[in-house]
N, C-alpha and C. Protein backbone atom coordinates (compact mmCIF):
# COMPACT_ATOMS: atom_id res chain seq x y z
N MET A 1 99.42 -153.68 -122.71
CA MET A 1 100.65 -153.04 -122.26
C MET A 1 101.04 -151.95 -123.27
N TYR A 2 101.62 -150.89 -122.79
CA TYR A 2 102.02 -149.77 -123.63
C TYR A 2 103.28 -150.12 -124.43
N SER A 3 103.36 -149.52 -125.62
CA SER A 3 104.57 -149.67 -126.43
C SER A 3 105.63 -148.68 -125.93
N CYS A 4 106.85 -148.88 -126.38
CA CYS A 4 107.93 -147.96 -126.01
C CYS A 4 107.61 -146.53 -126.45
N ASP A 5 107.06 -146.39 -127.65
CA ASP A 5 106.71 -145.04 -128.14
C ASP A 5 105.68 -144.38 -127.24
N GLN A 6 104.70 -145.14 -126.78
CA GLN A 6 103.68 -144.58 -125.89
C GLN A 6 104.29 -144.18 -124.54
N VAL A 7 105.19 -145.00 -124.04
CA VAL A 7 105.85 -144.69 -122.77
C VAL A 7 106.65 -143.40 -122.90
N ILE A 8 107.43 -143.28 -123.97
CA ILE A 8 108.24 -142.08 -124.18
C ILE A 8 107.34 -140.86 -124.32
N ALA A 9 106.22 -141.01 -125.02
CA ALA A 9 105.30 -139.89 -125.21
C ALA A 9 104.71 -139.42 -123.88
N GLU A 10 104.53 -140.31 -122.94
CA GLU A 10 103.92 -139.97 -121.64
C GLU A 10 104.95 -139.72 -120.55
N LEU A 11 106.22 -139.84 -120.86
CA LEU A 11 107.27 -139.78 -119.84
C LEU A 11 107.29 -138.45 -119.09
N ALA A 12 107.14 -137.34 -119.79
CA ALA A 12 107.18 -136.04 -119.12
C ALA A 12 106.05 -135.93 -118.10
N GLY A 13 104.86 -136.34 -118.50
CA GLY A 13 103.73 -136.31 -117.57
C GLY A 13 103.93 -137.23 -116.39
N TYR A 14 104.53 -138.38 -116.64
CA TYR A 14 104.82 -139.33 -115.57
C TYR A 14 105.81 -138.74 -114.58
N LEU A 15 106.86 -138.13 -115.11
CA LEU A 15 107.88 -137.52 -114.24
C LEU A 15 107.30 -136.37 -113.42
N ASP A 16 106.33 -135.66 -114.01
CA ASP A 16 105.70 -134.53 -113.32
C ASP A 16 104.51 -134.95 -112.48
N ASP A 17 104.24 -136.25 -112.41
CA ASP A 17 103.10 -136.79 -111.66
C ASP A 17 101.79 -136.20 -112.17
N GLU A 18 101.68 -136.13 -113.49
CA GLU A 18 100.49 -135.55 -114.11
C GLU A 18 99.76 -136.55 -115.01
N VAL A 19 99.86 -137.83 -114.72
CA VAL A 19 99.13 -138.83 -115.49
C VAL A 19 98.09 -139.49 -114.59
N ALA A 20 97.04 -139.99 -115.22
CA ALA A 20 95.98 -140.67 -114.48
C ALA A 20 96.53 -141.93 -113.82
N VAL A 21 95.84 -142.37 -112.78
CA VAL A 21 96.29 -143.53 -112.01
C VAL A 21 96.44 -144.76 -112.90
N GLY A 22 95.48 -145.02 -113.77
CA GLY A 22 95.55 -146.20 -114.64
C GLY A 22 96.74 -146.14 -115.58
N MET A 23 96.99 -144.96 -116.14
CA MET A 23 98.13 -144.79 -117.03
C MET A 23 99.43 -144.96 -116.26
N ARG A 24 99.49 -144.42 -115.05
CA ARG A 24 100.68 -144.55 -114.21
C ARG A 24 101.00 -146.02 -113.99
N GLN A 25 99.98 -146.81 -113.69
CA GLN A 25 100.19 -148.24 -113.46
C GLN A 25 100.72 -148.94 -114.71
N GLU A 26 100.14 -148.60 -115.87
CA GLU A 26 100.60 -149.20 -117.12
C GLU A 26 102.04 -148.82 -117.42
N LEU A 27 102.38 -147.55 -117.19
CA LEU A 27 103.75 -147.10 -117.42
C LEU A 27 104.72 -147.83 -116.50
N GLU A 28 104.34 -147.98 -115.25
CA GLU A 28 105.21 -148.66 -114.29
C GLU A 28 105.40 -150.14 -114.65
N ILE A 29 104.35 -150.77 -115.16
CA ILE A 29 104.48 -152.16 -115.61
C ILE A 29 105.48 -152.23 -116.76
N HIS A 30 105.33 -151.33 -117.72
CA HIS A 30 106.23 -151.32 -118.86
C HIS A 30 107.67 -151.05 -118.41
N LEU A 31 107.85 -150.06 -117.56
CA LEU A 31 109.20 -149.71 -117.09
C LEU A 31 109.85 -150.87 -116.33
N ALA A 32 109.05 -151.66 -115.65
CA ALA A 32 109.59 -152.81 -114.91
C ALA A 32 110.04 -153.92 -115.86
N ARG A 33 109.49 -153.95 -117.06
CA ARG A 33 109.80 -155.03 -118.00
C ARG A 33 110.73 -154.63 -119.13
N CYS A 34 110.86 -153.34 -119.38
CA CYS A 34 111.61 -152.88 -120.55
C CYS A 34 112.87 -152.14 -120.10
N ARG A 35 114.00 -152.76 -120.31
CA ARG A 35 115.28 -152.18 -119.88
C ARG A 35 115.55 -150.85 -120.59
N THR A 36 115.26 -150.78 -121.87
CA THR A 36 115.53 -149.57 -122.64
C THR A 36 114.74 -148.39 -122.09
N CYS A 37 113.45 -148.56 -121.88
CA CYS A 37 112.63 -147.46 -121.36
C CYS A 37 113.01 -147.12 -119.93
N LYS A 38 113.41 -148.11 -119.16
CA LYS A 38 113.85 -147.85 -117.78
C LYS A 38 115.10 -146.99 -117.77
N VAL A 39 116.04 -147.27 -118.68
CA VAL A 39 117.26 -146.47 -118.77
C VAL A 39 116.91 -145.03 -119.17
N ILE A 40 116.01 -144.88 -120.14
CA ILE A 40 115.59 -143.54 -120.57
C ILE A 40 114.91 -142.82 -119.42
N TYR A 41 114.03 -143.50 -118.70
CA TYR A 41 113.35 -142.90 -117.55
C TYR A 41 114.36 -142.48 -116.48
N ASP A 42 115.27 -143.37 -116.13
CA ASP A 42 116.26 -143.06 -115.10
C ASP A 42 117.13 -141.87 -115.51
N SER A 43 117.53 -141.85 -116.77
CA SER A 43 118.35 -140.74 -117.27
C SER A 43 117.59 -139.42 -117.24
N ALA A 44 116.34 -139.46 -117.66
CA ALA A 44 115.52 -138.24 -117.66
C ALA A 44 115.29 -137.75 -116.23
N ARG A 45 115.03 -138.68 -115.33
CA ARG A 45 114.80 -138.32 -113.93
C ARG A 45 116.05 -137.67 -113.32
N LYS A 46 117.21 -138.26 -113.61
CA LYS A 46 118.46 -137.70 -113.09
C LYS A 46 118.76 -136.34 -113.70
N ALA A 47 118.55 -136.20 -115.00
CA ALA A 47 118.77 -134.91 -115.66
C ALA A 47 117.83 -133.85 -115.10
N LEU A 48 116.58 -134.23 -114.90
CA LEU A 48 115.60 -133.30 -114.34
C LEU A 48 116.01 -132.86 -112.94
N ARG A 49 116.49 -133.80 -112.15
CA ARG A 49 116.93 -133.47 -110.79
C ARG A 49 118.13 -132.51 -110.83
N ILE A 50 119.07 -132.75 -111.71
CA ILE A 50 120.24 -131.87 -111.82
C ILE A 50 119.81 -130.47 -112.22
N VAL A 51 118.95 -130.38 -113.22
CA VAL A 51 118.51 -129.07 -113.71
C VAL A 51 117.70 -128.34 -112.65
N THR A 52 116.79 -129.03 -111.98
CA THR A 52 115.96 -128.34 -111.00
C THR A 52 116.75 -127.98 -109.74
N GLU A 53 117.74 -128.78 -109.39
CA GLU A 53 118.54 -128.45 -108.21
C GLU A 53 119.50 -127.30 -108.47
N THR A 54 120.03 -127.22 -109.68
CA THR A 54 120.97 -126.14 -109.98
C THR A 54 120.26 -124.89 -110.46
N ARG A 55 119.08 -125.05 -111.04
CA ARG A 55 118.30 -123.94 -111.57
C ARG A 55 119.14 -123.04 -112.47
N SER A 56 120.04 -123.66 -113.21
CA SER A 56 120.97 -122.88 -114.01
C SER A 56 120.44 -122.53 -115.39
N PHE A 57 119.50 -123.32 -115.92
CA PHE A 57 118.99 -123.03 -117.26
C PHE A 57 117.69 -123.78 -117.50
N ASP A 58 116.96 -123.33 -118.52
CA ASP A 58 115.73 -124.00 -118.95
C ASP A 58 115.94 -124.50 -120.37
N LEU A 59 115.45 -125.69 -120.65
CA LEU A 59 115.51 -126.24 -121.99
C LEU A 59 114.17 -126.01 -122.68
N PRO A 60 114.18 -125.44 -123.87
CA PRO A 60 112.93 -125.32 -124.62
C PRO A 60 112.38 -126.71 -124.92
N GLU A 61 111.07 -126.83 -124.99
CA GLU A 61 110.43 -128.12 -125.22
C GLU A 61 110.91 -128.77 -126.52
N SER A 62 111.16 -127.97 -127.54
CA SER A 62 111.61 -128.53 -128.82
C SER A 62 112.96 -129.24 -128.68
N ILE A 63 113.81 -128.75 -127.83
CA ILE A 63 115.10 -129.40 -127.60
C ILE A 63 114.88 -130.72 -126.87
N SER A 64 114.01 -130.74 -125.89
CA SER A 64 113.73 -131.97 -125.15
C SER A 64 113.21 -133.05 -126.08
N GLU A 65 112.31 -132.70 -127.00
CA GLU A 65 111.76 -133.67 -127.94
C GLU A 65 112.86 -134.19 -128.86
N ARG A 66 113.73 -133.30 -129.33
CA ARG A 66 114.82 -133.70 -130.21
C ARG A 66 115.76 -134.66 -129.49
N ILE A 67 116.07 -134.38 -128.25
CA ILE A 67 116.95 -135.25 -127.47
C ILE A 67 116.31 -136.63 -127.31
N ALA A 68 115.02 -136.67 -126.99
CA ALA A 68 114.33 -137.95 -126.83
C ALA A 68 114.35 -138.75 -128.13
N ARG A 69 114.11 -138.10 -129.26
CA ARG A 69 114.16 -138.80 -130.55
C ARG A 69 115.55 -139.36 -130.82
N ASN A 70 116.58 -138.57 -130.53
CA ASN A 70 117.95 -139.04 -130.75
C ASN A 70 118.27 -140.24 -129.87
N ILE A 71 117.85 -140.20 -128.63
CA ILE A 71 118.08 -141.33 -127.72
C ILE A 71 117.38 -142.57 -128.25
N MET A 72 116.11 -142.43 -128.63
CA MET A 72 115.36 -143.59 -129.12
C MET A 72 115.97 -144.14 -130.39
N ALA A 73 116.47 -143.28 -131.26
CA ALA A 73 117.11 -143.75 -132.50
C ALA A 73 118.35 -144.58 -132.19
N LYS A 74 119.02 -144.27 -131.13
CA LYS A 74 120.25 -144.99 -130.78
C LYS A 74 119.98 -146.30 -130.05
N VAL A 75 118.87 -146.37 -129.33
CA VAL A 75 118.61 -147.59 -128.56
C VAL A 75 117.76 -148.60 -129.31
N ARG A 76 117.06 -148.18 -130.36
CA ARG A 76 116.28 -149.10 -131.16
C ARG A 76 117.18 -149.92 -132.08
N PRO A 77 116.85 -151.18 -132.27
CA PRO A 77 117.60 -151.97 -133.25
C PRO A 77 117.38 -151.40 -134.64
N ARG A 78 118.36 -151.52 -135.49
CA ARG A 78 118.23 -151.02 -136.87
C ARG A 78 117.06 -151.71 -137.55
N GLY A 79 116.28 -150.92 -138.27
CA GLY A 79 115.14 -151.45 -139.01
C GLY A 79 113.87 -151.54 -138.19
N ALA A 80 113.93 -151.29 -136.89
CA ALA A 80 112.73 -151.32 -136.05
C ALA A 80 111.97 -150.03 -136.24
N PRO A 81 110.63 -150.07 -136.13
CA PRO A 81 109.82 -148.84 -136.29
C PRO A 81 110.09 -147.84 -135.21
């Protein structure tokens, strides 16, 4: 099973339907079992839908990565890797 870090690393590809079938299945298994990653996935999916429907702005990739790191830092227990 994939770790949370692996799921987050593959999330963009998963949302864009650009991951291999085997990886997609592993991600879906993890998302079904991990509340934290499911919340991150749902939030990213909703944000992506809002941005693509409004077409009001583009986020540089560096900002997206920074946001993901900040989210993970807040949802991880203190002292966890």
